[in-house]
C-alpha cells in the first residue's frame, strides 16, 4: 500500500491539527504557489513551513527580478518627467523674453515720439544686464536693450524650435512637449501600488527588494539546503525496496543539519531506461523521499501527490 500524507485543498488546511514531523500536501488553492500546489512540514502543532521546489525558487526569483526591473524603469521615467518640467520652465522663460521684446518695441516707439526727425539710422550703445529683469516704464533705450540682451543670451537652442511631441527623438537641442509628461506619468503608474513597505521612493523600494533577495541567496548558500541532480547506475539505487536494473536520474533537494550527518532528500525521477520504473516513477505524480542519519542510508520511498 502506498505511503500517503495529510492532503487536501488549501482552504481546508489547518496547521494546528498537524503533528510534529508530519507532511501536509495542498492539492489546489494555495495562494503562495503559482499552480496552487505545495508541500508543508510540521515542526509543532500550528508551526509549519512550506517546502519550496526548484521550480518554486526559480519562479519566486523571476517574479522578484521582474519587479525590480519595473521599479527601475519607473525611476527613469520619473527622471524624464522632471527633465520635462525643467524644459517647460525654459519655455515659459522664452515666453517672458518674448513679452519683454514686445515691451522693448513699445518703448522704442514711445522714444521715437520724443525725438525730432527719423531715428531709424541712429545707434544705441548699451551693456547687457547682469541679471534678467522686465523692461519698466521710463527705462532708457540703453537700459531696455541691456535687459533684452540678457534674456536673449540666457535662451538655449531649444527655445527656437518646436517641442517634440513624442519620446522617440534623441536630439538634445529640442525640448519635449508638455503633453509627454502626462504620457510618462500614465505609463509609470502610482508608487503607492508597490508591494514593498517603501512606497515613497523607487530607490528605497529597490533597496528593500535587494535585501530580500540577499537574504534568500544567503539562506541557500549557507549550507542548509542543496539542490542537485544525480544519475544512478544499475544496482546502485532502490525505491520502495526494489533495486533498479538499469540507470536513472533524479533531481532533488537535500535539507541537512550543521554537521551534515542528518539529512532528508526530496525529489523526483526525471529519466530511466528501465521501462517498468519509467511508468511507475517518471510519468506518475510521485514524490521521492530518502533519509540519512549518522551515515545510515534508508533508501528512497515514493509518496503519491494526490488524494
C-alpha atoms as a PDB file:
ATOM      1  CA  UNK A   1       0.000   0.000   0.000  1.00  0.00           C
ATOM      2  CA  UNK A   2       1.400   3.428  -0.984  1.00  0.00           C
ATOM      3  CA  UNK A   3       2.578   5.771   1.778  1.00  0.00           C
ATOM      4  CA  UNK A   4       0.271   8.787   1.923  1.00  0.00           C
ATOM      5  CA  UNK A   5       0.423  12.050   3.847  1.00  0.00           C
ATOM      6  CA  UNK A   6      -2.174  14.504   5.057  1.00  0.00           C
ATOM      7  CA  UNK A   7      -3.512  16.194   1.913  1.00  0.00           C
ATOM      8  CA  UNK A   8      -6.404  18.202   0.511  1.00  0.00           C
ATOM      9  CA  UNK A   9      -7.393  21.697  -0.650  1.00  0.00           C
ATOM     10  CA  UNK A  10      -5.650  24.714   0.882  1.00  0.00           C
ATOM     11  CA  UNK A  11      -8.986  26.061   2.174  1.00  0.00           C
ATOM     12  CA  UNK A  12      -9.205  23.009   4.489  1.00  0.00           C
ATOM     13  CA  UNK A  13      -5.546  23.186   5.600  1.00  0.00           C
ATOM     14  CA  UNK A  14      -5.321  23.624   9.413  1.00  0.00           C
ATOM     15  CA  UNK A  15      -1.722  23.670  10.776  1.00  0.00           C
ATOM     16  CA  UNK A  16      -2.986  23.208  14.348  1.00  0.00           C
ATOM     17  CA  UNK A  17      -4.293  19.735  13.501  1.00  0.00           C
ATOM     18  CA  UNK A  18      -0.904  18.530  12.310  1.00  0.00           C
ATOM     19  CA  UNK A  19       1.639  16.551  14.337  1.00  0.00           C
ATOM     20  CA  UNK A  20       5.363  17.148  14.673  1.00  0.00           C
ATOM     21  CA  UNK A  21       7.272  15.633  11.711  1.00  0.00           C
ATOM     22  CA  UNK A  22       4.102  15.225   9.638  1.00  0.00           C
ATOM     23  CA  UNK A  23       3.873  16.283   5.980  1.00  0.00           C
ATOM     24  CA  UNK A  24       0.883  18.214   4.671  1.00  0.00           C
ATOM     25  CA  UNK A  25       0.173  18.438   0.933  1.00  0.00           C
ATOM     26  CA  UNK A  26      -2.175  21.033  -0.599  1.00  0.00           C
ATOM     27  CA  UNK A  27      -3.544  19.803  -3.890  1.00  0.00           C
ATOM     28  CA  UNK A  28      -5.043  23.138  -5.008  1.00  0.00           C
ATOM     29  CA  UNK A  29      -5.805  26.709  -3.993  1.00  0.00           C
ATOM     30  CA  UNK A  30      -2.542  27.627  -2.213  1.00  0.00           C
ATOM     31  CA  UNK A  31      -2.063  31.395  -2.861  1.00  0.00           C
ATOM     32  CA  UNK A  32       1.652  31.041  -2.118  1.00  0.00           C
ATOM     33  CA  UNK A  33       2.225  28.810  -5.169  1.00  0.00           C
ATOM     34  CA  UNK A  34       1.654  29.652  -8.833  1.00  0.00           C
ATOM     35  CA  UNK A  35      -0.190  26.373  -9.534  1.00  0.00           C
ATOM     36  CA  UNK A  36      -1.874  26.219  -6.096  1.00  0.00           C
ATOM     37  CA  UNK A  37       0.015  23.077  -5.083  1.00  0.00           C
ATOM     38  CA  UNK A  38       2.572  22.919  -2.244  1.00  0.00           C
ATOM     39  CA  UNK A  39       4.114  20.775   0.493  1.00  0.00           C
ATOM     40  CA  UNK A  40       4.333  21.707   4.210  1.00  0.00           C
ATOM     41  CA  UNK A  41       6.358  20.188   7.087  1.00  0.00           C
ATOM     42  CA  UNK A  42       5.053  20.420  10.681  1.00  0.00           C
ATOM     43  CA  UNK A  43       7.573  21.215  13.449  1.00  0.00           C
ATOM     44  CA  UNK A  44       4.888  21.531  16.136  1.00  0.00           C
ATOM     45  CA  UNK A  45       1.122  21.923  16.142  1.00  0.00           C
ATOM     46  CA  UNK A  46       0.434  25.222  14.375  1.00  0.00           C
ATOM     47  CA  UNK A  47       4.116  25.639  13.400  1.00  0.00           C
ATOM     48  CA  UNK A  48       4.580  24.616   9.768  1.00  0.00           C
ATOM     49  CA  UNK A  49       6.892  25.649   6.941  1.00  0.00           C
ATOM     50  CA  UNK A  50       6.226  25.452   3.232  1.00  0.00           C
ATOM     51  CA  UNK A  51       8.821  23.425   1.307  1.00  0.00           C
ATOM     52  CA  UNK A  52       9.949  25.092  -1.954  1.00  0.00           C
ATOM     53  CA  UNK A  53      10.835  23.014  -5.009  1.00  0.00           C
ATOM     54  CA  UNK A  54      13.419  24.064  -7.576  1.00  0.00           C
ATOM     55  CA  UNK A  55      10.590  25.313  -9.816  1.00  0.00           C
ATOM     56  CA  UNK A  56       9.164  27.383  -6.922  1.00  0.00           C
ATOM     57  CA  UNK A  57      12.550  29.010  -6.259  1.00  0.00           C
ATOM     58  CA  UNK A  58      13.067  29.903  -9.935  1.00  0.00           C
ATOM     59  CA  UNK A  59       9.545  31.298 -10.103  1.00  0.00           C
ATOM     60  CA  UNK A  60       9.961  33.405  -6.926  1.00  0.00           C
ATOM     61  CA  UNK A  61      13.313  34.834  -8.053  1.00  0.00           C
ATOM     62  CA  UNK A  62      11.924  35.619 -11.543  1.00  0.00           C
ATOM     63  CA  UNK A  63       8.986  37.490 -10.024  1.00  0.00           C
ATOM     64  CA  UNK A  64      11.260  39.447  -7.693  1.00  0.00           C
ATOM     65  CA  UNK A  65      13.654  40.282 -10.558  1.00  0.00           C
ATOM     66  CA  UNK A  66      10.769  41.412 -12.729  1.00  0.00           C
ATOM     67  CA  UNK A  67       9.532  43.740 -10.007  1.00  0.00           C
ATOM     68  CA  UNK A  68      12.958  45.170  -9.558  1.00  0.00           C
ATOM     69  CA  UNK A  69      13.158  45.865 -13.310  1.00  0.00           C
ATOM     70  CA  UNK A  70       9.712  47.530 -13.286  1.00  0.00           C
ATOM     71  CA  UNK A  71      10.697  49.810 -10.426  1.00  0.00           C
ATOM     72  CA  UNK A  72      13.964  50.774 -12.121  1.00  0.00           C
ATOM     73  CA  UNK A  73      12.023  51.689 -15.272  1.00  0.00           C
ATOM     74  CA  UNK A  74       9.662  53.790 -13.168  1.00  0.00           C
ATOM     75  CA  UNK A  75      12.603  55.710 -11.656  1.00  0.00           C
ATOM     76  CA  UNK A  76      13.957  56.504 -15.128  1.00  0.00           C
ATOM     77  CA  UNK A  77      10.572  57.717 -16.278  1.00  0.00           C
ATOM     78  CA  UNK A  78      10.225  59.972 -13.261  1.00  0.00           C
ATOM     79  CA  UNK A  79      13.634  61.485 -14.013  1.00  0.00           C
ATOM     80  CA  UNK A  80      12.468  62.131 -17.575  1.00  0.00           C
ATOM     81  CA  UNK A  81       9.311  63.795 -16.276  1.00  0.00           C
ATOM     82  CA  UNK A  82      11.436  66.034 -14.041  1.00  0.00           C
ATOM     83  CA  UNK A  83      13.619  66.988 -17.017  1.00  0.00           C
ATOM     84  CA  UNK A  84      10.475  67.773 -18.985  1.00  0.00           C
ATOM     85  CA  UNK A  85       9.355  70.082 -16.182  1.00  0.00           C
ATOM     86  CA  UNK A  86      12.675  71.949 -16.420  1.00  0.00           C
ATOM     87  CA  UNK A  87      12.248  72.322 -20.157  1.00  0.00           C
ATOM     88  CA  UNK A  88       8.738  73.613 -19.622  1.00  0.00           C
ATOM     89  CA  UNK A  89      10.135  76.295 -17.319  1.00  0.00           C
ATOM     90  CA  UNK A  90      12.618  77.253 -20.039  1.00  0.00           C
ATOM     91  CA  UNK A  91       9.713  77.564 -22.455  1.00  0.00           C
ATOM     92  CA  UNK A  92       7.975  79.881 -20.016  1.00  0.00           C
ATOM     93  CA  UNK A  93      11.186  81.934 -19.810  1.00  0.00           C
ATOM     94  CA  UNK A  94      11.106  82.191 -23.591  1.00  0.00           C
ATOM     95  CA  UNK A  95       7.574  83.470 -23.421  1.00  0.00           C
ATOM     96  CA  UNK A  96       8.673  86.049 -20.835  1.00  0.00           C
ATOM     97  CA  UNK A  97      11.506  87.079 -23.158  1.00  0.00           C
ATOM     98  CA  UNK A  98       9.025  87.499 -25.989  1.00  0.00           C
ATOM     99  CA  UNK A  99       6.895  89.642 -23.713  1.00  0.00           C
ATOM    100  CA  UNK A 100       9.961  91.675 -22.810  1.00  0.00           C
ATOM    101  CA  UNK A 101      10.756  92.092 -26.517  1.00  0.00           C
ATOM    102  CA  UNK A 102       7.236  93.370 -27.151  1.00  0.00           C
ATOM    103  CA  UNK A 103       7.659  95.877 -24.359  1.00  0.00           C
ATOM    104  CA  UNK A 104      11.015  96.920 -25.825  1.00  0.00           C
ATOM    105  CA  UNK A 105       9.316  97.625 -29.150  1.00  0.00           C
ATOM    106  CA  UNK A 106       6.678  99.689 -27.418  1.00  0.00           C
ATOM    107  CA  UNK A 107       9.384 101.610 -25.579  1.00  0.00           C
ATOM    108  CA  UNK A 108      11.231 102.233 -28.828  1.00  0.00           C
ATOM    109  CA  UNK A 109       8.093 103.583 -30.460  1.00  0.00           C
ATOM    110  CA  UNK A 110       7.461 105.821 -27.466  1.00  0.00           C
ATOM    111  CA  UNK A 111      11.055 107.054 -27.576  1.00  0.00           C
ATOM    112  CA  UNK A 112      10.697 107.884 -31.244  1.00  0.00           C
ATOM    113  CA  UNK A 113       7.804 110.191 -30.490  1.00  0.00           C
ATOM    114  CA  UNK A 114      10.129 112.247 -28.260  1.00  0.00           C
ATOM    115  CA  UNK A 115      12.888 112.543 -30.832  1.00  0.00           C
ATOM    116  CA  UNK A 116      12.690 115.033 -33.649  1.00  0.00           C
ATOM    117  CA  UNK A 117      13.278 113.582 -37.042  1.00  0.00           C
ATOM    118  CA  UNK A 118      13.810 109.993 -38.228  1.00  0.00           C
ATOM    119  CA  UNK A 119      15.808 107.803 -35.738  1.00  0.00           C
ATOM    120  CA  UNK A 120      15.890 104.694 -37.930  1.00  0.00           C
ATOM    121  CA  UNK A 121      19.534 105.224 -38.614  1.00  0.00           C
ATOM    122  CA  UNK A 122      20.544 106.048 -35.064  1.00  0.00           C
ATOM    123  CA  UNK A 123      22.520 103.570 -32.911  1.00  0.00           C
ATOM    124  CA  UNK A 124      22.217 102.790 -29.209  1.00  0.00           C
ATOM    125  CA  UNK A 125      25.212 101.987 -27.019  1.00  0.00           C
ATOM    126  CA  UNK A 126      24.340  99.638 -24.135  1.00  0.00           C
ATOM    127  CA  UNK A 127      25.730  96.957 -21.846  1.00  0.00           C
ATOM    128  CA  UNK A 128      23.995  93.612 -21.220  1.00  0.00           C
ATOM    129  CA  UNK A 129      22.209  93.497 -17.863  1.00  0.00           C
ATOM    130  CA  UNK A 130      23.792  91.301 -15.153  1.00  0.00           C
ATOM    131  CA  UNK A 131      20.501  89.522 -14.444  1.00  0.00           C
ATOM    132  CA  UNK A 132      17.125  89.114 -16.112  1.00  0.00           C
ATOM    133  CA  UNK A 133      14.534  91.807 -15.395  1.00  0.00           C
ATOM    134  CA  UNK A 134      11.445  93.072 -17.209  1.00  0.00           C
ATOM    135  CA  UNK A 135      11.578  96.409 -19.018  1.00  0.00           C
ATOM    136  CA  UNK A 136       9.998  99.142 -16.937  1.00  0.00           C
ATOM    137  CA  UNK A 137       8.302 102.393 -17.866  1.00  0.00           C
ATOM    138  CA  UNK A 138      10.818 105.252 -18.147  1.00  0.00           C
ATOM    139  CA  UNK A 139      13.740 102.871 -18.846  1.00  0.00           C
ATOM    140  CA  UNK A 140      16.238 104.436 -21.211  1.00  0.00           C
ATOM    141  CA  UNK A 141      16.923 102.719 -24.527  1.00  0.00           C
ATOM    142  CA  UNK A 142      20.342 101.621 -23.249  1.00  0.00           C
ATOM    143  CA  UNK A 143      18.809 100.013 -20.153  1.00  0.00           C
ATOM    144  CA  UNK A 144      15.947  98.426 -22.104  1.00  0.00           C
ATOM    145  CA  UNK A 145      18.277  96.917 -24.719  1.00  0.00           C
ATOM    146  CA  UNK A 146      20.606  95.735 -21.954  1.00  0.00           C
ATOM    147  CA  UNK A 147      17.725  93.835 -20.325  1.00  0.00           C
ATOM    148  CA  UNK A 148      16.651  92.403 -23.679  1.00  0.00           C
ATOM    149  CA  UNK A 149      20.200  91.260 -24.454  1.00  0.00           C
ATOM    150  CA  UNK A 150      20.325  89.356 -21.126  1.00  0.00           C
ATOM    151  CA  UNK A 151      17.117  87.477 -21.980  1.00  0.00           C
ATOM    152  CA  UNK A 152      18.458  86.583 -25.435  1.00  0.00           C
ATOM    153  CA  UNK A 153      21.809  85.413 -24.022  1.00  0.00           C
ATOM    154  CA  UNK A 154      20.107  83.099 -21.490  1.00  0.00           C
ATOM    155  CA  UNK A 155      17.958  81.343 -24.092  1.00  0.00           C
ATOM    156  CA  UNK A 156      19.069  77.842 -25.154  1.00  0.00           C
ATOM    157  CA  UNK A 157      18.806  76.495 -28.695  1.00  0.00           C
ATOM    158  CA  UNK A 158      15.671  74.508 -27.946  1.00  0.00           C
ATOM    159  CA  UNK A 159      13.806  77.788 -27.264  1.00  0.00           C
ATOM    160  CA  UNK A 160      13.800  78.436 -31.017  1.00  0.00           C
ATOM    161  CA  UNK A 161      12.438  75.042 -32.144  1.00  0.00           C
ATOM    162  CA  UNK A 162       9.041  73.388 -31.749  1.00  0.00           C
ATOM    163  CA  UNK A 163       8.741  70.917 -28.818  1.00  0.00           C
ATOM    164  CA  UNK A 164       8.948  67.220 -29.758  1.00  0.00           C
ATOM    165  CA  UNK A 165       5.533  65.547 -29.227  1.00  0.00           C
ATOM    166  CA  UNK A 166       6.912  62.004 -28.716  1.00  0.00           C
ATOM    167  CA  UNK A 167       9.545  60.000 -26.803  1.00  0.00           C
ATOM    168  CA  UNK A 168      11.449  58.783 -29.856  1.00  0.00           C
ATOM    169  CA  UNK A 169      13.762  61.717 -30.675  1.00  0.00           C
ATOM    170  CA  UNK A 170      17.362  61.802 -29.387  1.00  0.00           C
ATOM    171  CA  UNK A 171      18.003  65.423 -30.479  1.00  0.00           C
ATOM    172  CA  UNK A 172      19.378  67.184 -27.369  1.00  0.00           C
ATOM    173  CA  UNK A 173      18.772  70.641 -28.892  1.00  0.00           C
ATOM    174  CA  UNK A 174      14.990  70.234 -28.817  1.00  0.00           C
ATOM    175  CA  UNK A 175      12.564  70.355 -25.924  1.00  0.00           C
ATOM    176  CA  UNK A 176       9.942  67.741 -25.058  1.00  0.00           C
ATOM    177  CA  UNK A 177       6.293  68.666 -25.429  1.00  0.00           C
ATOM    178  CA  UNK A 178       4.491  69.162 -22.120  1.00  0.00           C
ATOM    179  CA  UNK A 179       1.914  66.539 -23.107  1.00  0.00           C
ATOM    180  CA  UNK A 180       4.641  63.888 -22.900  1.00  0.00           C
ATOM    181  CA  UNK A 181       4.898  64.435 -19.134  1.00  0.00           C
ATOM    182  CA  UNK A 182       1.330  63.209 -18.668  1.00  0.00           C
ATOM    183  CA  UNK A 183       2.013  60.264 -21.003  1.00  0.00           C
ATOM    184  CA  UNK A 184       5.053  59.260 -18.940  1.00  0.00           C
ATOM    185  CA  UNK A 185       3.172  59.556 -15.647  1.00  0.00           C
ATOM    186  CA  UNK A 186       0.375  57.383 -17.041  1.00  0.00           C
ATOM    187  CA  UNK A 187       2.858  54.715 -18.192  1.00  0.00           C
ATOM    188  CA  UNK A 188       4.833  54.758 -14.925  1.00  0.00           C
ATOM    189  CA  UNK A 189       1.836  54.344 -12.629  1.00  0.00           C
ATOM    190  CA  UNK A 190       1.434  55.054  -8.913  1.00  0.00           C
ATOM    191  CA  UNK A 191       4.249  54.355  -6.412  1.00  0.00           C
ATOM    192  CA  UNK A 192       1.571  53.666  -3.810  1.00  0.00           C
ATOM    193  CA  UNK A 193       0.755  50.434  -5.671  1.00  0.00           C
ATOM    194  CA  UNK A 194       4.218  48.951  -4.990  1.00  0.00           C
ATOM    195  CA  UNK A 195       4.061  45.721  -2.923  1.00  0.00           C
ATOM    196  CA  UNK A 196       7.047  46.875  -0.852  1.00  0.00           C
ATOM    197  CA  UNK A 197       6.929  48.631   2.517  1.00  0.00           C
ATOM    198  CA  UNK A 198       8.780  51.579   0.980  1.00  0.00           C
ATOM    199  CA  UNK A 199       6.390  53.410  -1.355  1.00  0.00           C
ATOM    200  CA  UNK A 200       7.690  56.983  -1.402  1.00  0.00           C
ATOM    201  CA  UNK A 201      10.891  56.300  -3.342  1.00  0.00           C
ATOM    202  CA  UNK A 202      11.702  53.819  -6.095  1.00  0.00           C
ATOM    203  CA  UNK A 203      15.311  53.642  -4.848  1.00  0.00           C
ATOM    204  CA  UNK A 204      14.097  52.633  -1.359  1.00  0.00           C
ATOM    205  CA  UNK A 205      11.764  50.027  -2.859  1.00  0.00           C
ATOM    206  CA  UNK A 206      14.599  48.530  -4.938  1.00  0.00           C
ATOM    207  CA  UNK A 207      16.877  48.503  -1.880  1.00  0.00           C
ATOM    208  CA  UNK A 208      14.184  46.649   0.057  1.00  0.00           C
ATOM    209  CA  UNK A 209      13.839  44.045  -2.687  1.00  0.00           C
ATOM    210  CA  UNK A 210      17.621  43.643  -2.930  1.00  0.00           C
ATOM    211  CA  UNK A 211      17.763  42.976   0.827  1.00  0.00           C
ATOM    212  CA  UNK A 212      15.071  40.313   0.492  1.00  0.00           C
ATOM    213  CA  UNK A 213      16.907  38.664  -2.407  1.00  0.00           C
ATOM    214  CA  UNK A 214      20.203  38.774  -0.494  1.00  0.00           C
ATOM    215  CA  UNK A 215      18.565  37.035   2.462  1.00  0.00           C
ATOM    216  CA  UNK A 216      17.161  34.362   0.127  1.00  0.00           C
ATOM    217  CA  UNK A 217      20.508  33.732  -1.556  1.00  0.00           C
ATOM    218  CA  UNK A 218      22.284  33.701   1.817  1.00  0.00           C
ATOM    219  CA  UNK A 219      19.890  31.001   3.037  1.00  0.00           C
ATOM    220  CA  UNK A 220      20.596  28.825   0.013  1.00  0.00           C
ATOM    221  CA  UNK A 221      24.378  29.300   0.207  1.00  0.00           C
ATOM    222  CA  UNK A 222      24.569  28.802   3.986  1.00  0.00           C
ATOM    223  CA  UNK A 223      24.784  25.027   3.768  1.00  0.00           C
ATOM    224  CA  UNK A 224      21.269  24.138   4.975  1.00  0.00           C
ATOM    225  CA  UNK A 225      19.614  23.421   1.597  1.00  0.00           C
ATOM    226  CA  UNK A 226      21.176  21.961  -1.576  1.00  0.00           C
ATOM    227  CA  UNK A 227      19.531  21.395  -4.988  1.00  0.00           C
ATOM    228  CA  UNK A 228      21.209  18.713  -7.121  1.00  0.00           C
ATOM    229  CA  UNK A 229      20.816  16.208  -9.969  1.00  0.00           C
ATOM    230  CA  UNK A 230      22.345  12.712  -9.868  1.00  0.00           C
ATOM    231  CA  UNK A 231      22.434   9.717 -12.204  1.00  0.00           C
ATOM    232  CA  UNK A 232      22.471   6.234 -10.594  1.00  0.00           C
ATOM    233  CA  UNK A 233      23.888   3.166 -12.343  1.00  0.00           C
ATOM    234  CA  UNK A 234      22.263  -0.258 -12.338  1.00  0.00           C
ATOM    235  CA  UNK A 235      22.037  -1.819  -8.892  1.00  0.00           C
ATOM    236  CA  UNK A 236      23.043   1.380  -7.011  1.00  0.00           C
ATOM    237  CA  UNK A 237      19.597   2.690  -6.020  1.00  0.00           C
ATOM    238  CA  UNK A 238      16.461   1.178  -4.520  1.00  0.00           C
ATOM    239  CA  UNK A 239      12.992   2.698  -4.440  1.00  0.00           C
ATOM    240  CA  UNK A 240      10.199   1.238  -2.333  1.00  0.00           C
ATOM    241  CA  UNK A 241      12.518  -1.705  -1.552  1.00  0.00           C
ATOM    242  CA  UNK A 242      13.239  -2.614  -5.207  1.00  0.00           C
ATOM    243  CA  UNK A 243      16.650  -2.191  -6.897  1.00  0.00           C
ATOM    244  CA  UNK A 244      16.746  -0.808 -10.442  1.00  0.00           C
ATOM    245  CA  UNK A 245      18.236  -2.972 -13.188  1.00  0.00           C
ATOM    246  CA  UNK A 246      19.076  -0.020 -15.435  1.00  0.00           C
ATOM    247  CA  UNK A 247      20.115   3.607 -14.895  1.00  0.00           C
ATOM    248  CA  UNK A 248      18.014   6.557 -13.720  1.00  0.00           C
ATOM    249  CA  UNK A 249      18.417  10.279 -12.996  1.00  0.00           C
ATOM    250  CA  UNK A 250      16.899  12.137 -10.016  1.00  0.00           C
ATOM    251  CA  UNK A 251      16.665  15.823  -9.196  1.00  0.00           C
ATOM    252  CA  UNK A 252      16.275  16.515  -5.502  1.00  0.00           C
ATOM    253  CA  UNK A 253      16.530  18.939  -2.624  1.00  0.00           C
ATOM    254  CA  UNK A 254      18.668  17.979   0.379  1.00  0.00           C
ATOM    255  CA  UNK A 255      17.985  19.550   3.782  1.00  0.00           C
ATOM    256  CA  UNK A 256      20.571  18.862   6.492  1.00  0.00           C
ATOM    257  CA  UNK A 257      21.855  19.923   9.871  1.00  0.00           C
ATOM    258  CA  UNK A 258      25.064  21.817  10.629  1.00  0.00           C
ATOM    259  CA  UNK A 259      27.165  18.631  10.959  1.00  0.00           C
ATOM    260  CA  UNK A 260      25.890  17.197   7.627  1.00  0.00           C
ATOM    261  CA  UNK A 261      25.259  13.828   9.317  1.00  0.00           C
ATOM    262  CA  UNK A 262      21.496  14.040   9.411  1.00  0.00           C
ATOM    263  CA  UNK A 263      19.592  14.925   6.266  1.00  0.00           C
ATOM    264  CA  UNK A 264      16.430  14.343   4.281  1.00  0.00           C
ATOM    265  CA  UNK A 265      16.140  14.172   0.487  1.00  0.00           C
ATOM    266  CA  UNK A 266      13.040  15.124  -1.531  1.00  0.00           C
ATOM    267  CA  UNK A 267      12.939  14.869  -5.295  1.00  0.00           C
ATOM    268  CA  UNK A 268      11.589  13.171  -8.399  1.00  0.00           C
ATOM    269  CA  UNK A 269      12.855  10.826 -11.085  1.00  0.00           C
ATOM    270  CA  UNK A 270      13.205  12.564 -14.450  1.00  0.00           C
ATOM    271  CA  UNK A 271      14.555   9.745 -16.638  1.00  0.00           C
ATOM    272  CA  UNK A 272      15.365   5.997 -16.675  1.00  0.00           C
ATOM    273  CA  UNK A 273      15.998   3.263 -19.222  1.00  0.00           C
ATOM    274  CA  UNK A 274      14.001   0.791 -17.103  1.00  0.00           C
ATOM    275  CA  UNK A 275      10.529   0.697 -18.711  1.00  0.00           C
ATOM    276  CA  UNK A 276       8.853  -0.530 -15.538  1.00  0.00           C
ATOM    277  CA  UNK A 277      10.356   2.244 -13.450  1.00  0.00           C
ATOM    278  CA  UNK A 278       9.638   4.828 -16.167  1.00  0.00           C
ATOM    279  CA  UNK A 279       5.865   4.399 -15.908  1.00  0.00           C
ATOM    280  CA  UNK A 280       5.994   3.896 -12.153  1.00  0.00           C
ATOM    281  CA  UNK A 281       8.159   6.868 -11.136  1.00  0.00           C
ATOM    282  CA  UNK A 282       8.844   9.188 -14.113  1.00  0.00           C
ATOM    283  CA  UNK A 283       5.408   9.689 -15.652  1.00  0.00           C
ATOM    284  CA  UNK A 284       3.410   9.184 -12.442  1.00  0.00           C
ATOM    285  CA  UNK A 285       2.788  12.029  -9.905  1.00  0.00           C
ATOM    286  CA  UNK A 286       5.081  10.689  -7.185  1.00  0.00           C
ATOM    287  CA  UNK A 287       7.478  12.475  -4.857  1.00  0.00           C
ATOM    288  CA  UNK A 288      10.595  10.515  -3.821  1.00  0.00           C
ATOM    289  CA  UNK A 289      11.884  10.836  -0.243  1.00  0.00           C
ATOM    290  CA  UNK A 290      15.043   9.452   1.388  1.00  0.00           C
ATOM    291  CA  UNK A 291      16.625   9.819   4.835  1.00  0.00           C
ATOM    292  CA  UNK A 292      20.229   9.730   6.061  1.00  0.00           C
ATOM    293  CA  UNK A 293      21.080   9.551   9.796  1.00  0.00           C
ATOM    294  CA  UNK A 294      24.651   9.210  11.085  1.00  0.00           C
ATOM    295  CA  UNK A 295      25.826   7.701   7.757  1.00  0.00           C
ATOM    296  CA  UNK A 296      22.915   5.244   7.791  1.00  0.00           C
ATOM    297  CA  UNK A 297      21.116   5.294   4.409  1.00  0.00           C
ATOM    298  CA  UNK A 298      17.418   4.411   4.500  1.00  0.00           C
ATOM    299  CA  UNK A 299      16.807   4.356   0.701  1.00  0.00           C
ATOM    300  CA  UNK A 300      14.206   6.097  -1.418  1.00  0.00           C
ATOM    301  CA  UNK A 301      10.436   5.776  -0.980  1.00  0.00           C
ATOM    302  CA  UNK A 302       7.696   7.204  -3.171  1.00  0.00           C
ATOM    303  CA  UNK A 303       4.828   9.379  -1.987  1.00  0.00           C
ATOM    304  CA  UNK A 304       1.819   9.854  -4.335  1.00  0.00           C
ATOM    305  CA  UNK A 305       0.981  13.529  -4.922  1.00  0.00           C
ATOM    306  CA  UNK A 306      -2.803  13.316  -4.953  1.00  0.00           C
ATOM    307  CA  UNK A 307      -5.863  12.284  -2.948  1.00  0.00           C
END
